Amino acid sequence: MIPATLEQLEQVRKECRTMVRKRATASAGTTLVPLPGTDVLADVGMLMQLLPAINNKFGLSQKQLDGMDPETKSMIYGFVMSIGSKVIGRMVTKELVVQVLKRVGVRVATKSVAKFVPFAGQGLAAALSFTAMRYVGNKHVDDCYEVVKRMIEQRELIPGEPAPSALEEANSDDVKVEAKSISSNDTDEPAKESKDQ
């Protein structure tokens, strides 16, 4: 479910950044395996889990978007296209993850070569791996955050459509108004009689 308020949205962003940091640390650890390409394969596997998990937290997975009304879905895809994300609202495949990694390809290639330089090389490779994974993850978190933020702002601008943050207040106000109208009905009868006289 898409966060309804900016406060909820901020909380989701914090949770997702924590997930990214954990995966980036794990990615740095894979550089210690001395076989060529194992770290890149591990990164692809981690991103195939991480990116859909981020989409899901923000309410922007393909399955979640398919369940929305056409107008909302169209609005979200418009925001996604405007920020240029290739991952939001899509099935995350190995090919898609490889495309994302190509964007940070220089870091990945340097990481693979650096780990074969004795001592300092593995440390450099681990640092590059952590940085690359964190960059890809946090970029996706920021993209999702921006799409949902625009969605929340758009809802607040639509006349007649209550802002998500106002929905809870409106529901409690309805109860108060209903209670008032019930109690005022008892006193309306004498008021009408006095106007007739």
Protein backbone atom coordinates (compact mmCIF):
# COMPACT_ATOMS: atom_id res chain seq x y z
CA MET A 1 0.00 0.00 0.00
CA ILE A 2 1.29 3.44 -0.92
CA PRO A 3 2.08 5.58 2.13
CA ALA A 4 -0.73 8.10 2.64
CA THR A 5 1.20 10.86 4.42
CA LEU A 6 4.63 12.41 4.19
CA GLU A 7 5.39 11.12 7.71
CA GLN A 8 4.63 7.54 6.66
CA LEU A 9 6.65 8.06 3.49
CA GLU A 10 9.67 9.24 5.49
CA GLN A 11 9.43 6.17 7.73
CA VAL A 12 9.38 3.85 4.70
CA ARG A 13 12.44 5.61 3.28
CA LYS A 14 14.36 5.05 6.54
CA GLU A 15 13.44 1.36 6.59
CA CYS A 16 14.52 0.93 2.96
CA ARG A 17 17.85 2.70 3.53
CA THR A 18 18.54 0.29 6.39
CA MET A 19 17.85 -2.64 4.02
CA VAL A 20 20.21 -1.11 1.44
CA ARG A 21 22.98 -0.67 4.01
CA LYS A 22 22.70 -4.33 5.08
CA ARG A 23 22.83 -5.57 1.47
CA ALA A 24 25.76 -3.28 0.66
CA THR A 25 27.67 -4.71 3.63
CA ALA A 26 26.91 -8.24 2.44
CA SER A 27 28.06 -7.27 -1.06
CA ALA A 28 31.37 -6.04 0.33
CA GLY A 29 31.79 -9.41 2.04
CA THR A 30 31.42 -11.32 -1.25
CA THR A 31 34.60 -9.73 -2.59
CA LEU A 32 36.60 -11.93 -0.21
CA VAL A 33 35.83 -14.97 -2.39
CA PRO A 34 38.85 -15.19 -4.74
CA LEU A 35 36.96 -16.56 -7.77
CA PRO A 36 36.46 -14.13 -10.70
CA GLY A 37 32.87 -13.04 -11.21
CA THR A 38 31.42 -14.47 -8.00
CA ASP A 39 31.02 -11.03 -6.48
CA VAL A 40 29.17 -9.69 -9.53
CA LEU A 41 26.85 -12.72 -9.55
CA ALA A 42 26.22 -12.19 -5.86
CA ASP A 43 25.43 -8.50 -6.49
CA VAL A 44 22.93 -9.43 -9.22
CA GLY A 45 21.26 -11.92 -6.87
CA MET A 46 21.10 -9.40 -4.03
CA LEU A 47 19.65 -6.69 -6.25
CA MET A 48 17.03 -9.09 -7.61
CA GLN A 49 15.79 -9.37 -4.02
CA LEU A 50 16.46 -5.81 -2.84
CA LEU A 51 14.85 -3.80 -5.66
CA PRO A 52 11.46 -5.61 -5.53
CA ALA A 53 11.51 -5.36 -1.71
CA ILE A 54 11.94 -1.57 -1.99
CA ASN A 55 9.14 -1.35 -4.59
CA ASN A 56 6.90 -3.36 -2.28
CA LYS A 57 7.62 -1.16 0.78
CA PHE A 58 6.62 1.96 -1.18
CA GLY A 59 3.52 0.26 -2.66
CA LEU A 60 5.01 0.43 -6.15
CA SER A 61 5.48 -3.22 -7.10
CA GLN A 62 4.02 -4.41 -10.39
CA LYS A 63 1.38 -6.47 -8.56
CA GLN A 64 0.37 -3.53 -6.34
CA LEU A 65 0.09 -1.16 -9.32
CA ASP A 66 -2.00 -3.68 -11.27
CA GLY A 67 -4.56 -3.60 -8.44
CA MET A 68 -5.01 0.19 -8.64
CA ASP A 69 -7.65 2.10 -10.56
CA PRO A 70 -6.54 3.13 -14.09
CA GLU A 71 -6.37 6.86 -13.26
CA THR A 72 -4.05 6.37 -10.26
CA LYS A 73 -1.91 3.86 -12.13
CA SER A 74 -1.57 6.23 -15.09
CA MET A 75 -0.57 9.08 -12.78
CA ILE A 76 2.08 6.94 -11.07
CA TYR A 77 3.55 5.72 -14.36
CA GLY A 78 3.69 9.34 -15.53
CA PHE A 79 5.76 10.22 -12.44
CA VAL A 80 7.94 7.13 -12.97
CA MET A 81 8.65 8.13 -16.58
CA SER A 82 9.43 11.72 -15.58
CA ILE A 83 12.17 10.60 -13.18
CA GLY A 84 13.47 7.97 -15.61
CA SER A 85 13.26 4.87 -13.42
CA LYS A 86 13.38 1.52 -15.20
CA VAL A 87 12.67 -0.52 -12.05
CA ILE A 88 9.57 0.99 -10.38
CA GLY A 89 6.40 -0.96 -11.11
CA ARG A 90 8.15 -3.61 -13.18
CA MET A 91 9.06 -7.24 -12.76
CA VAL A 92 12.70 -7.24 -11.65
CA THR A 93 14.58 -9.68 -13.87
CA LYS A 94 18.22 -10.59 -14.16
CA GLU A 95 18.43 -8.59 -17.43
CA LEU A 96 16.96 -5.52 -15.75
CA VAL A 97 19.42 -5.79 -12.85
CA VAL A 98 22.33 -6.13 -15.29
CA GLN A 99 21.15 -2.92 -17.03
CA VAL A 100 21.09 -1.14 -13.68
CA LEU A 101 24.59 -2.42 -12.86
CA LYS A 102 25.88 -1.20 -16.23
CA ARG A 103 25.11 2.33 -15.03
CA VAL A 104 27.70 1.84 -12.31
CA GLY A 105 29.76 -0.45 -14.55
CA VAL A 106 33.09 1.30 -14.01
CA ARG A 107 32.89 0.64 -10.27
CA VAL A 108 31.93 -3.00 -10.80
CA ALA A 109 34.74 -3.62 -13.30
CA THR A 110 37.29 -1.88 -11.05
CA LYS A 111 36.09 -3.98 -8.12
CA SER A 112 36.63 -7.24 -10.03
CA VAL A 113 40.18 -6.26 -11.06
CA ALA A 114 41.14 -4.66 -7.74
CA LYS A 115 40.47 -7.74 -5.66
CA PHE A 116 43.41 -9.54 -7.31
CA VAL A 117 45.91 -6.91 -6.13
CA PRO A 118 47.44 -8.33 -2.90
CA PHE A 119 46.18 -7.00 0.47
CA ALA A 120 45.06 -3.47 -0.40
CA GLY A 121 43.24 -4.76 -3.48
CA GLN A 122 40.70 -6.74 -1.50
CA GLY A 123 40.03 -3.80 0.78
CA LEU A 124 39.54 -1.54 -2.25
CA ALA A 125 37.29 -4.11 -3.92
CA ALA A 126 35.19 -4.39 -0.74
CA ALA A 127 34.88 -0.60 -0.50
CA LEU A 128 33.91 -0.33 -4.17
CA SER A 129 31.39 -3.15 -3.81
CA PHE A 130 29.79 -1.51 -0.77
CA THR A 131 29.68 1.87 -2.53
CA ALA A 132 28.23 0.50 -5.78
CA MET A 133 25.53 -1.53 -4.04
CA ARG A 134 24.65 1.37 -1.74
CA TYR A 135 24.50 3.75 -4.71
CA VAL A 136 22.14 1.51 -6.73
CA GLY A 137 19.92 0.78 -3.70
CA ASN A 138 19.69 4.35 -2.42
CA LYS A 139 19.08 5.71 -5.93
CA HIS A 140 16.11 3.37 -6.22
CA VAL A 141 14.86 4.36 -2.75
CA ASP A 142 15.09 8.05 -3.72
CA ASP A 143 13.24 7.40 -7.00
CA CYS A 144 10.42 5.57 -5.20
CA TYR A 145 10.28 8.31 -2.55
CA GLU A 146 9.98 10.99 -5.24
CA VAL A 147 7.15 9.17 -7.07
CA VAL A 148 5.10 8.66 -3.90
CA LYS A 149 5.79 12.21 -2.71
CA ARG A 150 4.47 13.59 -5.99
CA MET A 151 1.44 11.31 -5.67
CA ILE A 152 0.67 12.61 -2.18
CA GLU A 153 1.12 16.22 -3.32
CA GLN A 154 -1.10 15.62 -6.36
CA ARG A 155 -3.89 14.21 -4.19
CA GLU A 156 -3.75 17.33 -2.03
CA LEU A 157 -4.17 19.54 -5.11
CA ILE A 158 -7.22 17.78 -6.55
CA PRO A 159 -10.35 19.76 -5.61
CA GLY A 160 -12.95 17.71 -3.81
CA GLU A 161 -10.48 14.89 -3.18
CA PRO A 162 -9.47 14.86 0.47
CA ALA A 163 -5.75 14.80 1.12
CA PRO A 164 -4.65 11.44 2.54
CA SER A 165 -3.53 13.14 5.75
CA ALA A 166 -6.96 14.77 6.11
CA LEU A 167 -8.88 11.51 5.71
CA GLU A 168 -8.37 10.44 9.30
CA GLU A 169 -9.36 13.89 10.58
CA ALA A 170 -12.44 13.92 8.33
CA ASN A 171 -13.58 10.56 9.63
CA SER A 172 -13.39 11.73 13.24
CA ASP A 173 -15.14 15.02 12.30
CA ASP A 174 -17.99 13.06 10.64
CA VAL A 175 -18.62 11.26 13.90
CA LYS A 176 -18.75 14.58 15.78
CA VAL A 177 -21.09 16.17 13.19
CA GLU A 178 -23.36 13.13 13.26
CA ALA A 179 -23.52 13.25 17.06
CA LYS A 180 -24.31 16.99 16.96
CA SER A 181 -27.08 16.56 14.40
CA ILE A 182 -28.71 13.83 16.45
CA SER A 183 -28.71 15.96 19.60
CA SER A 184 -29.85 19.11 17.74
CA ASN A 185 -32.86 17.27 16.25
CA ASP A 186 -34.37 17.09 19.72
CA THR A 187 -34.22 20.88 20.12
CA ASP A 188 -35.31 21.77 16.56
CA GLU A 189 -39.03 21.21 17.21
CA PRO A 190 -39.49 23.98 19.81
CA ALA A 191 -37.49 26.36 17.65
CA LYS A 192 -39.85 25.81 14.70
CA GLU A 193 -42.91 26.44 16.89
CA SER A 194 -41.52 29.72 18.17
CA LYS A 195 -40.92 30.94 14.59
CA ASP A 196 -44.52 30.10 13.65
CA GLN A 197 -45.88 32.23 16.50
